[in-house]
Amino acid sequence: MSEANGVMMQYFHWYTPADGSLWNQVVDNAQDLADAGFTALWLPPAYKGTAGGYDVGYGVYDLFDLGEFDQKGSVRSKYGTKDEYIKAIQVAQAAGIHIYADVVFNHKLGADHTEEFQATPFNPHNRHEAVGEAQTIQAWTHFTFPGRQKKYSELEWHWWHFTAADYNAYDSDADVVYLFDGKTFDDGVDLEKGSFDYLMGCDLDMSRPDVQEELKHWGKWYVETTQVDGFRFDAVKHVEAVFFPQWLSHVRYHAGRSLFAVGEYWSGNLDALHHFIKETGGDVMLFDAPLHYNFSNASNQGSEYDLRQIFDNSLVKEQPALAVTLVDNHDSQPLQSLESVVEGWFKPLAYALILLRRDGYPCVFVADYYGAHYKDSAPDGQEYEIWLDSHQWLIDKFLMARKTYAYGDQYDYLDHPNTIGWTRLGDEEHPGGMAVILSNGEEGRKFMEVGQANTTYVDLTEHITEPVVTNDEGWAEFSCEGGSVSVWVPG
């Protein structure tokens, strides 16, 4: 599903306005995005969250309510109605863009009723350490979905469908995770906190056959209803890894077609990513979180950062066929839970590094493309106003270069701490070649081979106006400005 030189866009950020207009924006922008070179859009969770029309989508309430039922204070989701969602998918697909749905299997929030049952409190920072005896708790675990009236699925969720929660009405201030009677924390998850099975809300018990069957039933229904082309799985490090290929196999079988899949395993520990890939048999690509952290560090260290190391410890270097490369996302953006800012000056360099090289399936963040402006409070209690610049002009140039020239052999010149470059030599269908050079320090120069003799090259970014002519062997000295990137293509 990630065709040659495909590019996806994450078409939302945490602070996308809660005005119900996003699905209609997809309709308005799909053709322009396709013309620019985007081949897929990752859309936010389309189902009802506990905050109704204000929920970003990760506080999952009802997977079957795509903005169709009056639940949690609204019919529509944050992004629009079910009919608008389906129309957006159809319009995007007609323009040649695949649609990936955001799928959250780890947890549910916003139950309709409380239930009483036995549970044992555990240290939230060490899930192997009980911090009290088994006790009767009262928790929000009974989901009846009164607005849906059992349409699409008759299942009501009860405490026994979950393994744990972090709230007890009888001791509402306790800072613990309650492991429900007869349950265990999964082993096939990230080992942070002993077992990072529990993340938030009511944690689904993925070992129960009825939970697995309901999620498979939902997947079949979802694809039949929406006709999406693939999935982005949320928070995969908190779910037994083996469930994902089982679920995908079921849904693909009923869909009768290939369906793309990428998981969010947000960790800088590359070994953990390798382990997930092994457990899932390479069936699910992963976002290259370690590469994002490299970009963040490089952007904050300036010329002190050694660009020769930019791909060290990254998934795209070690498992390029399974890496979805990214610069930023909704969790890493300023004021969010995993804030790890890639400073604005470095973003053009980072996008060149994911869009113009051979390896990886790149994902462009909507806030980097269109820009963003929002206010929110930080952990220090202060409110901050955030402005994220639009890099659309340059990203469009990179997309054009990717579509036209980023083919054939790649020669790397990653041999200087502040100035690196590479060339693509093109192929029979895409001749001409391309040279990319970037610097995190002063103006940079590099003698590189593009394979085209006595050919004039111009800087697509327009940072440098003087053209360059290659010699008889197809080499030339290409340059870039300080703290900048230049993309040289046949003039």
Protein backbone atom coordinates (compact mmCIF):
# COMPACT_ATOMS: atom_id res chain seq x y z
CA MET A 1 0.00 0.00 0.00
CA SER A 2 3.00 2.33 0.34
CA GLU A 3 3.64 2.56 -3.40
CA ALA A 4 6.94 3.67 -4.91
CA ASN A 5 7.87 7.05 -3.41
CA GLY A 6 4.56 7.24 -1.56
CA VAL A 7 4.11 9.90 1.14
CA MET A 8 1.47 10.02 3.85
CA MET A 9 0.26 13.02 5.80
CA GLN A 10 -0.95 12.96 9.39
CA TYR A 11 -4.01 15.09 8.68
CA PHE A 12 -4.63 16.42 12.19
CA HIS A 13 -2.83 17.67 15.29
CA TRP A 14 -3.81 17.74 18.94
CA TYR A 15 -5.28 21.24 18.69
CA THR A 16 -7.22 20.82 15.43
CA PRO A 17 -10.34 22.99 16.04
CA ALA A 18 -13.28 21.10 17.59
CA ASP A 19 -15.77 22.58 15.11
CA GLY A 20 -16.70 19.41 13.24
CA SER A 21 -15.16 20.63 10.00
CA LEU A 22 -12.18 18.32 9.45
CA TRP A 23 -13.89 15.70 7.28
CA ASN A 24 -15.20 18.47 5.04
CA GLN A 25 -11.68 19.94 4.83
CA VAL A 26 -10.45 16.60 3.50
CA VAL A 27 -13.05 16.91 0.75
CA ASP A 28 -11.90 20.45 -0.06
CA ASN A 29 -8.15 19.68 0.00
CA ALA A 30 -7.84 16.11 -1.31
CA GLN A 31 -7.13 17.01 -4.94
CA ASP A 32 -4.56 19.68 -4.01
CA LEU A 33 -2.79 17.20 -1.70
CA ALA A 34 -2.77 14.54 -4.40
CA ASP A 35 -1.39 17.03 -6.93
CA ALA A 36 1.35 17.99 -4.43
CA GLY A 37 2.46 14.36 -4.20
CA PHE A 38 0.70 12.92 -1.16
CA THR A 39 -0.50 9.35 -1.67
CA ALA A 40 -2.13 8.67 1.72
CA LEU A 41 -3.78 10.48 4.63
CA TRP A 42 -3.77 9.20 8.20
CA LEU A 43 -7.00 10.53 9.68
CA PRO A 44 -7.71 10.84 13.43
CA PRO A 45 -9.93 8.39 15.35
CA ALA A 46 -13.39 8.77 13.84
CA TYR A 47 -15.41 7.22 16.66
CA LYS A 48 -16.98 8.80 19.74
CA GLY A 49 -14.69 9.61 22.64
CA THR A 50 -15.59 10.30 26.24
CA ALA A 51 -15.44 14.08 25.62
CA GLY A 52 -17.88 13.82 22.72
CA GLY A 53 -17.46 16.58 20.17
CA TYR A 54 -14.28 17.79 21.89
CA ASP A 55 -12.42 14.47 22.11
CA VAL A 56 -9.25 14.17 20.00
CA GLY A 57 -10.23 10.52 19.68
CA TYR A 58 -7.94 8.65 22.05
CA GLY A 59 -10.38 8.69 24.97
CA VAL A 60 -12.35 5.92 23.21
CA TYR A 61 -15.96 5.48 24.28
CA ASP A 62 -17.82 3.69 21.45
CA LEU A 63 -15.94 2.24 18.45
CA PHE A 64 -19.22 1.80 16.56
CA ASP A 65 -20.31 5.46 16.82
CA LEU A 66 -18.66 7.29 13.91
CA GLY A 67 -20.65 10.46 14.55
CA GLU A 68 -24.07 8.85 14.13
CA PHE A 69 -25.59 8.68 17.61
CA ASP A 70 -26.37 11.26 20.29
CA GLN A 71 -23.84 10.14 22.90
CA LYS A 72 -21.48 12.04 25.20
CA GLY A 73 -23.23 15.33 24.47
CA SER A 74 -23.10 15.33 20.67
CA VAL A 75 -23.94 13.39 17.54
CA ARG A 76 -20.82 14.41 15.58
CA SER A 77 -17.28 13.73 16.71
CA LYS A 78 -14.68 16.48 16.97
CA TYR A 79 -14.19 16.12 13.23
CA GLY A 80 -17.71 15.72 11.83
CA THR A 81 -20.48 13.18 11.23
CA LYS A 82 -20.37 9.61 9.96
CA ASP A 83 -21.75 10.65 6.56
CA GLU A 84 -19.10 13.38 6.24
CA TYR A 85 -16.35 10.91 7.18
CA ILE A 86 -17.41 8.39 4.55
CA LYS A 87 -17.73 11.11 1.91
CA ALA A 88 -14.22 12.39 2.79
CA ILE A 89 -12.82 8.88 2.30
CA GLN A 90 -14.56 8.49 -1.05
CA VAL A 91 -13.42 11.89 -2.35
CA ALA A 92 -9.81 11.31 -1.24
CA GLN A 93 -9.72 7.86 -2.83
CA ALA A 94 -11.15 9.26 -6.07
CA ALA A 95 -8.22 11.72 -6.08
CA GLY A 96 -5.77 8.81 -5.72
CA ILE A 97 -5.17 9.10 -1.98
CA HIS A 98 -5.31 6.11 0.38
CA ILE A 99 -6.98 6.59 3.75
CA TYR A 100 -5.58 5.11 6.96
CA ALA A 101 -7.89 4.91 9.99
CA ASP A 102 -6.59 5.47 13.51
CA VAL A 103 -7.38 2.44 15.67
CA VAL A 104 -7.24 2.43 19.50
CA PHE A 105 -7.49 -1.07 20.99
CA ASN A 106 -5.80 -0.50 24.34
CA HIS A 107 -8.47 1.18 26.45
CA LYS A 108 -11.98 2.59 26.85
CA LEU A 109 -13.16 5.62 28.85
CA GLY A 110 -16.45 7.23 29.80
CA ALA A 111 -18.41 4.18 31.03
CA ASP A 112 -22.15 4.60 31.58
CA HIS A 113 -22.36 2.89 35.00
CA THR A 114 -20.13 1.84 37.90
CA GLU A 115 -19.65 -1.74 39.06
CA GLU A 116 -18.41 -3.28 42.31
CA PHE A 117 -15.81 -6.04 42.29
CA GLN A 118 -12.53 -7.18 43.82
CA ALA A 119 -9.19 -5.67 42.75
CA THR A 120 -5.64 -5.34 44.07
CA PRO A 121 -3.78 -1.99 44.07
CA PHE A 122 -0.37 -1.90 42.36
CA ASN A 123 2.41 0.66 42.24
CA PRO A 124 1.77 2.67 39.02
CA HIS A 125 5.54 2.88 38.45
CA ASN A 126 6.16 -0.86 39.03
CA ARG A 127 3.38 -3.21 37.92
CA HIS A 128 5.06 -6.11 39.72
CA GLU A 129 4.64 -4.47 43.16
CA ALA A 130 1.30 -4.78 44.92
CA VAL A 131 0.80 -1.95 47.42
CA GLY A 132 -2.18 -3.34 49.30
CA GLU A 133 -4.53 -6.28 49.73
CA ALA A 134 -7.35 -7.32 47.40
CA GLN A 135 -10.34 -5.12 48.18
CA THR A 136 -13.78 -4.18 46.92
CA ILE A 137 -13.64 -1.23 44.56
CA GLN A 138 -16.27 0.71 42.64
CA ALA A 139 -15.14 1.65 39.14
CA TRP A 140 -16.63 3.00 35.91
CA THR A 141 -16.53 -0.22 33.87
CA HIS A 142 -20.07 -0.84 32.54
CA PHE A 143 -20.55 0.41 28.96
CA THR A 144 -24.13 0.17 27.63
CA PHE A 145 -24.00 2.79 24.81
CA PRO A 146 -27.62 3.94 25.34
CA GLY A 147 -27.60 6.21 22.29
CA ARG A 148 -26.75 3.34 19.94
CA GLN A 149 -29.39 0.93 21.29
CA LYS A 150 -27.36 -2.18 20.38
CA LYS A 151 -27.16 -1.30 16.67
CA TYR A 152 -24.14 -2.98 14.97
CA SER A 153 -23.23 -4.86 18.17
CA GLU A 154 -25.18 -6.11 21.18
CA LEU A 155 -22.19 -6.42 23.49
CA GLU A 156 -22.21 -4.48 26.74
CA TRP A 157 -18.78 -4.14 28.31
CA HIS A 158 -18.34 -5.14 31.99
CA TRP A 159 -15.45 -5.14 34.44
CA TRP A 160 -14.48 -8.68 33.44
CA HIS A 161 -13.69 -7.50 29.89
CA PHE A 162 -10.87 -5.37 31.34
CA THR A 163 -7.69 -6.09 33.30
CA ALA A 164 -7.17 -2.86 35.22
CA ALA A 165 -8.20 0.74 35.91
CA ASP A 166 -6.77 3.61 37.96
CA TYR A 167 -9.94 4.88 39.66
CA ASN A 168 -11.89 3.63 42.68
CA ALA A 169 -14.87 5.66 43.90
CA TYR A 170 -14.24 4.38 47.45
CA ASP A 171 -10.71 5.85 47.47
CA SER A 172 -10.71 8.45 44.71
CA ASP A 173 -7.36 10.04 45.63
CA ALA A 174 -5.30 6.83 45.57
CA ASP A 175 -2.38 6.93 43.11
CA VAL A 176 -2.47 3.26 42.14
CA VAL A 177 -3.39 0.92 39.30
CA TYR A 178 -6.06 -1.60 40.32
CA LEU A 179 -5.55 -5.09 38.87
CA PHE A 180 -8.96 -6.73 38.63
CA ASP A 181 -9.78 -10.05 40.31
CA GLY A 182 -8.43 -13.04 38.38
CA LYS A 183 -6.40 -10.89 35.96
CA THR A 184 -2.68 -10.51 35.24
CA PHE A 185 -0.67 -7.82 33.48
CA ASP A 186 0.41 -8.98 30.03
CA ASP A 187 4.01 -10.02 29.37
CA GLY A 188 3.96 -9.42 25.60
CA VAL A 189 4.11 -5.65 26.03
CA ASP A 190 6.77 -3.00 26.62
CA LEU A 191 8.72 -3.74 29.81
CA GLU A 192 8.77 -0.15 31.08
CA LYS A 193 7.19 0.01 34.57
CA GLY A 194 7.66 -3.79 34.80
CA SER A 195 4.78 -4.29 32.37
CA PHE A 196 3.39 -1.34 30.43
CA ASP A 197 0.15 -3.21 29.77
CA TYR A 198 -1.88 -0.55 31.60
CA LEU A 199 -1.90 2.94 30.08
CA MET A 200 -5.20 4.64 30.94
CA GLY A 201 -8.94 4.23 31.44
CA CYS A 202 -10.32 0.70 31.38
CA ASP A 203 -7.58 -1.52 29.95
CA LEU A 204 -8.95 -4.16 27.57
CA ASP A 205 -8.21 -7.78 28.50
CA MET A 206 -6.80 -8.99 25.18
CA SER A 207 -6.54 -12.59 26.47
CA ARG A 208 -10.34 -12.99 26.55
CA PRO A 209 -11.82 -14.67 23.46
CA ASP A 210 -14.98 -12.52 23.63
CA VAL A 211 -12.88 -9.32 23.62
CA GLN A 212 -10.87 -10.56 20.65
CA GLU A 213 -14.02 -11.59 18.78
CA GLU A 214 -15.70 -8.23 19.38
CA LEU A 215 -12.66 -6.33 18.06
CA LYS A 216 -12.52 -8.59 15.00
CA HIS A 217 -16.26 -8.10 14.43
CA TRP A 218 -15.73 -4.36 14.70
CA GLY A 219 -12.80 -4.44 12.24
CA LYS A 220 -14.87 -6.29 9.62
CA TRP A 221 -17.77 -3.86 10.16
CA TYR A 222 -15.46 -0.84 10.02
CA VAL A 223 -13.84 -1.75 6.71
CA GLU A 224 -17.17 -2.68 5.13
CA THR A 225 -18.68 0.60 6.37
CA THR A 226 -15.84 2.97 5.50
CA GLN A 227 -13.74 1.19 2.82
CA VAL A 228 -10.49 2.50 4.35
CA ASP A 229 -7.17 1.34 2.88
CA GLY A 230 -5.28 0.66 6.09
CA PHE A 231 -4.70 1.40 9.75
CA ARG A 232 -2.52 3.28 12.17
CA PHE A 233 -2.55 1.39 15.48
CA ASP A 234 -2.33 3.54 18.59
CA ALA A 235 -0.20 2.68 21.63
CA VAL A 236 0.91 -0.76 20.39
CA LYS A 237 3.53 -1.13 23.12
CA HIS A 238 0.69 -1.51 25.66
CA VAL A 239 -1.05 -4.37 23.80
CA GLU A 240 0.01 -8.01 23.32
CA ALA A 241 1.91 -7.78 20.03
CA VAL A 242 0.61 -11.06 18.63
CA PHE A 243 -2.95 -9.71 18.54
CA PHE A 244 -2.26 -7.31 15.67
CA PRO A 245 -1.39 -9.85 12.94
CA GLN A 246 -4.35 -12.00 14.07
CA TRP A 247 -6.72 -9.05 13.78
CA LEU A 248 -5.24 -7.93 10.46
CA SER A 249 -5.52 -11.41 8.99
CA HIS A 250 -9.19 -11.56 9.93
CA VAL A 251 -10.01 -8.12 8.56
CA ARG A 252 -8.00 -8.59 5.35
CA TYR A 253 -9.72 -11.91 4.73
CA HIS A 254 -13.17 -10.36 4.97
CA ALA A 255 -12.14 -7.28 3.02
CA GLY A 256 -10.67 -9.44 0.28
CA ARG A 257 -7.77 -7.06 -0.19
CA SER A 258 -4.45 -5.95 1.20
CA LEU A 259 -4.67 -3.40 4.01
CA PHE A 260 -1.71 -1.28 5.13
CA ALA A 261 -0.74 -1.17 8.82
CA VAL A 262 1.62 0.98 10.89
CA GLY A 263 1.94 0.94 14.67
CA GLU A 264 2.83 3.66 17.14
CA TYR A 265 5.47 2.08 19.37
CA TRP A 266 6.69 5.30 20.93
CA SER A 267 10.09 4.46 22.36
CA GLY A 268 13.67 5.53 21.80
CA ASN A 269 14.72 1.94 22.56
CA LEU A 270 15.41 0.40 19.16
CA ASP A 271 15.62 -3.12 20.62
CA ALA A 272 12.01 -2.81 21.76
CA LEU A 273 10.94 -1.89 18.22
CA HIS A 274 12.88 -4.84 16.80
CA HIS A 275 11.16 -7.14 19.31
CA PHE A 276 7.69 -5.93 18.29
CA ILE A 277 8.54 -6.45 14.62
CA LYS A 278 9.70 -9.99 15.39
CA GLU A 279 6.55 -10.77 17.40
CA THR A 280 4.30 -9.47 14.60
CA GLY A 281 6.27 -11.16 11.81
CA GLY A 282 6.92 -7.83 10.08
CA ASP A 283 3.19 -7.46 9.41
CA VAL A 284 3.02 -3.98 10.95
CA MET A 285 5.36 -1.11 10.06
CA LEU A 286 6.43 1.19 12.91
CA PHE A 287 6.94 4.93 13.23
CA ASP A 288 10.63 5.69 13.59
CA ALA A 289 10.48 7.33 17.03
CA PRO A 290 14.28 7.08 17.52
CA LEU A 291 14.84 9.09 14.33
CA HIS A 292 12.43 11.76 15.59
CA TYR A 293 14.47 12.02 18.79
CA ASN A 294 17.63 12.40 16.68
CA PHE A 295 15.96 15.29 14.83
CA SER A 296 14.91 16.90 18.12
CA ASN A 297 18.43 16.62 19.55
CA ALA A 298 20.01 17.94 16.35
CA SER A 299 17.65 20.91 16.27
CA ASN A 300 18.44 21.84 19.87
CA GLN A 301 22.22 21.35 19.67
CA GLY A 302 22.75 23.32 16.45
CA SER A 303 26.26 23.09 15.01
CA GLU A 304 27.38 21.06 18.06
CA TYR A 305 25.42 18.08 16.69
CA ASP A 306 27.39 15.67 14.51
CA LEU A 307 25.24 15.14 11.41
CA ARG A 308 27.17 11.98 10.57
CA GLN A 309 25.18 10.38 13.40
CA ILE A 310 21.71 11.55 12.30
CA PHE A 311 20.60 8.02 11.35
CA ASP A 312 22.36 6.22 14.20
CA ASN A 313 20.07 3.99 16.29
CA SER A 314 17.16 4.62 13.88
CA LEU A 315 14.68 2.09 12.53
CA VAL A 316 15.11 3.38 8.96
CA LYS A 317 18.81 2.51 9.14
CA GLU A 318 18.31 -0.99 10.54
CA GLN A 319 14.93 -2.08 9.12
CA PRO A 320 14.21 0.38 6.28
CA ALA A 321 11.37 -1.65 4.76
CA LEU A 322 9.36 -1.37 8.00
CA ALA A 323 10.10 2.24 9.00
CA VAL A 324 7.59 5.06 8.71
CA THR A 325 9.76 8.14 9.09
CA LEU A 326 8.43 11.33 10.65
CA VAL A 327 9.58 14.72 11.93
CA ASP A 328 6.81 15.45 14.45
CA ASN A 329 3.33 14.30 15.47
CA HIS A 330 0.39 15.15 17.73
CA ASP A 331 2.07 13.71 20.84
CA SER A 332 5.48 15.32 20.35
CA GLN A 333 4.19 18.80 19.43
CA PRO A 334 4.65 21.63 21.97
CA LEU A 335 2.60 21.29 25.20
CA GLN A 336 1.72 17.65 24.55
CA SER A 337 2.44 14.53 26.64
CA LEU A 338 5.55 13.43 24.73
CA GLU A 339 6.77 16.93 23.87
CA SER A 340 10.14 16.64 22.14
CA VAL A 341 10.32 19.67 19.91
CA VAL A 342 12.07 19.73 16.55
CA GLU A 343 12.96 23.41 16.30
CA GLY A 344 11.61 25.29 13.29
CA TRP A 345 14.99 26.05 11.71
CA PHE A 346 15.79 22.33 11.46
CA LYS A 347 12.45 21.15 10.06
CA PRO A 348 13.36 21.77 6.39
CA LEU A 349 16.55 19.73 6.93
CA ALA A 350 14.59 16.95 8.66
CA TYR A 351 11.99 16.82 5.90
CA ALA A 352 14.72 16.61 3.28
CA LEU A 353 16.18 13.68 5.26
CA ILE A 354 12.90 11.72 5.16
CA LEU A 355 11.42 12.82 1.81
CA LEU A 356 14.43 12.75 -0.50
CA ARG A 357 16.19 9.52 0.47
CA ARG A 358 15.58 5.97 -0.70
CA ASP A 359 14.58 4.34 2.58
CA GLY A 360 11.50 4.68 4.75
CA TYR A 361 7.87 5.61 4.14
CA PRO A 362 7.69 9.31 5.10
CA CYS A 363 4.85 10.94 7.04
CA VAL A 364 4.39 14.72 6.93
CA PHE A 365 2.76 16.35 9.99
CA VAL A 366 -0.17 18.61 9.11
CA ALA A 367 0.98 21.35 11.51
CA ASP A 368 4.33 21.51 9.70
CA TYR A 369 2.56 21.77 6.35
CA TYR A 370 -0.19 24.31 7.05
CA GLY A 371 1.17 25.79 10.29
CA ALA A 372 -0.71 25.88 13.60
CA HIS A 373 -1.60 28.34 16.35
CA TYR A 374 -3.00 27.40 19.75
CA LYS A 375 -2.87 28.04 23.50
CA ASP A 376 -2.67 25.51 26.30
CA SER A 377 -1.25 25.11 29.78
CA ALA A 378 2.03 23.29 30.38
CA PRO A 379 2.97 20.99 33.28
CA ASP A 380 4.30 24.09 35.10
CA GLY A 381 0.73 25.43 35.24
CA GLN A 382 1.46 28.39 32.96
CA GLU A 383 -0.50 29.00 29.76
CA TYR A 384 1.54 29.31 26.58
CA GLU A 385 0.70 30.54 23.10
CA ILE A 386 2.25 28.39 20.37
CA TRP A 387 2.88 29.31 16.76
CA LEU A 388 4.11 26.56 14.41
CA ASP A 389 5.36 27.80 11.05
CA SER A 390 4.06 26.49 7.75
CA HIS A 391 6.79 24.79 5.70
CA GLN A 392 4.39 24.02 2.85
CA TRP A 393 6.35 25.83 0.14
CA LEU A 394 9.54 23.86 0.78
CA ILE A 395 7.76 20.56 1.48
CA ASP A 396 5.95 20.91 -1.86
CA LYS A 397 9.34 21.41 -3.54
CA PHE A 398 10.65 18.28 -1.83
CA LEU A 399 7.55 16.33 -2.88
CA MET A 400 8.02 17.41 -6.47
CA ALA A 401 11.68 16.35 -6.34
CA ARG A 402 10.68 13.02 -4.74
CA LYS A 403 8.07 12.36 -7.43
CA THR A 404 10.39 13.34 -10.30
CA TYR A 405 14.01 12.59 -9.36
CA ALA A 406 14.25 10.41 -6.22
CA TYR A 407 14.95 7.13 -8.02
CA GLY A 408 17.83 4.78 -8.72
CA ASP A 409 21.08 4.37 -6.83
CA GLN A 410 21.79 6.54 -3.79
CA TYR A 411 25.33 7.73 -3.06
CA ASP A 412 25.89 9.00 0.48
CA TYR A 413 28.33 11.72 1.51
CA LEU A 414 27.63 11.62 5.24
CA ASP A 415 31.26 12.40 6.01
CA HIS A 416 31.36 15.80 7.77
CA PRO A 417 29.99 16.74 11.22
CA ASN A 418 28.18 19.83 9.91
CA THR A 419 27.62 19.28 6.18
CA ILE A 420 26.19 16.10 4.70
CA GLY A 421 24.78 15.23 1.33
CA TRP A 422 23.63 12.48 -0.97
CA THR A 423 22.74 11.97 -4.60
CA ARG A 424 20.14 9.92 -6.43
CA LEU A 425 21.19 8.86 -9.92
CA GLY A 426 17.72 8.35 -11.38
CA ASP A 427 16.60 5.46 -13.60
CA GLU A 428 15.42 4.96 -17.17
CA GLU A 429 11.93 6.29 -16.46
CA HIS A 430 13.16 9.08 -14.18
CA PRO A 431 16.46 10.36 -15.61
CA GLY A 432 18.45 13.37 -14.51
CA GLY A 433 19.53 12.62 -10.98
CA MET A 434 19.43 14.86 -7.91
CA ALA A 435 21.88 16.15 -5.31
CA VAL A 436 20.88 17.14 -1.77
CA ILE A 437 23.17 18.99 0.64
CA LEU A 438 22.44 20.40 4.08
CA SER A 439 24.33 22.10 6.89
CA ASN A 440 23.68 22.70 10.58
CA GLY A 441 26.62 25.12 10.75
CA GLU A 442 28.16 27.47 8.22
CA GLU A 443 27.72 27.42 4.46
CA GLY A 444 28.47 23.93 3.14
CA ARG A 445 30.05 22.57 -0.04
CA LYS A 446 30.44 19.02 -1.30
CA PHE A 447 31.89 17.41 -4.44
CA MET A 448 29.30 14.76 -5.38
CA GLU A 449 28.43 12.51 -8.32
CA VAL A 450 25.01 12.70 -10.01
CA GLY A 451 25.88 10.59 -13.04
CA GLN A 452 24.98 13.21 -15.66
CA ALA A 453 27.95 14.68 -17.53
CA ASN A 454 28.11 18.36 -18.55
CA THR A 455 24.62 19.06 -17.19
CA THR A 456 23.35 22.26 -15.55
CA TYR A 457 21.77 21.86 -12.11
CA VAL A 458 19.70 24.45 -10.23
CA ASP A 459 18.70 24.68 -6.57
CA LEU A 460 15.00 23.81 -6.36
CA THR A 461 14.72 25.57 -2.98
CA GLU A 462 15.92 28.86 -4.58
CA HIS A 463 18.23 29.40 -1.61
CA ILE A 464 21.13 29.56 -4.08
CA THR A 465 20.55 31.24 -7.44
CA GLU A 466 23.81 30.40 -9.29
CA PRO A 467 23.49 27.16 -11.31
CA VAL A 468 26.12 24.40 -11.22
CA VAL A 469 27.46 22.46 -14.22
CA THR A 470 28.77 18.88 -13.85
CA ASN A 471 32.10 17.77 -15.35
CA ASP A 472 32.73 15.08 -17.97
CA GLU A 473 32.35 12.36 -15.31
CA GLY A 474 29.07 13.70 -13.90
CA TRP A 475 30.53 15.27 -10.74
CA ALA A 476 30.14 18.81 -9.43
CA GLU A 477 30.60 20.89 -6.29
CA PHE A 478 27.17 21.52 -4.80
CA SER A 479 26.55 23.99 -1.98
CA CYS A 480 24.01 25.13 0.61
CA GLU A 481 23.65 28.09 2.94
CA GLY A 482 24.39 27.81 6.66
CA GLY A 483 21.67 26.09 8.70
CA SER A 484 19.87 25.26 5.48
CA VAL A 485 19.27 22.70 2.74
CA SER A 486 19.55 22.86 -1.05
CA VAL A 487 18.14 20.39 -3.56
CA TRP A 488 19.92 20.40 -6.93
CA VAL A 489 18.01 19.09 -9.97
CA PRO A 490 18.58 19.36 -13.74
CA GLY A 491 17.93 22.90 -14.90
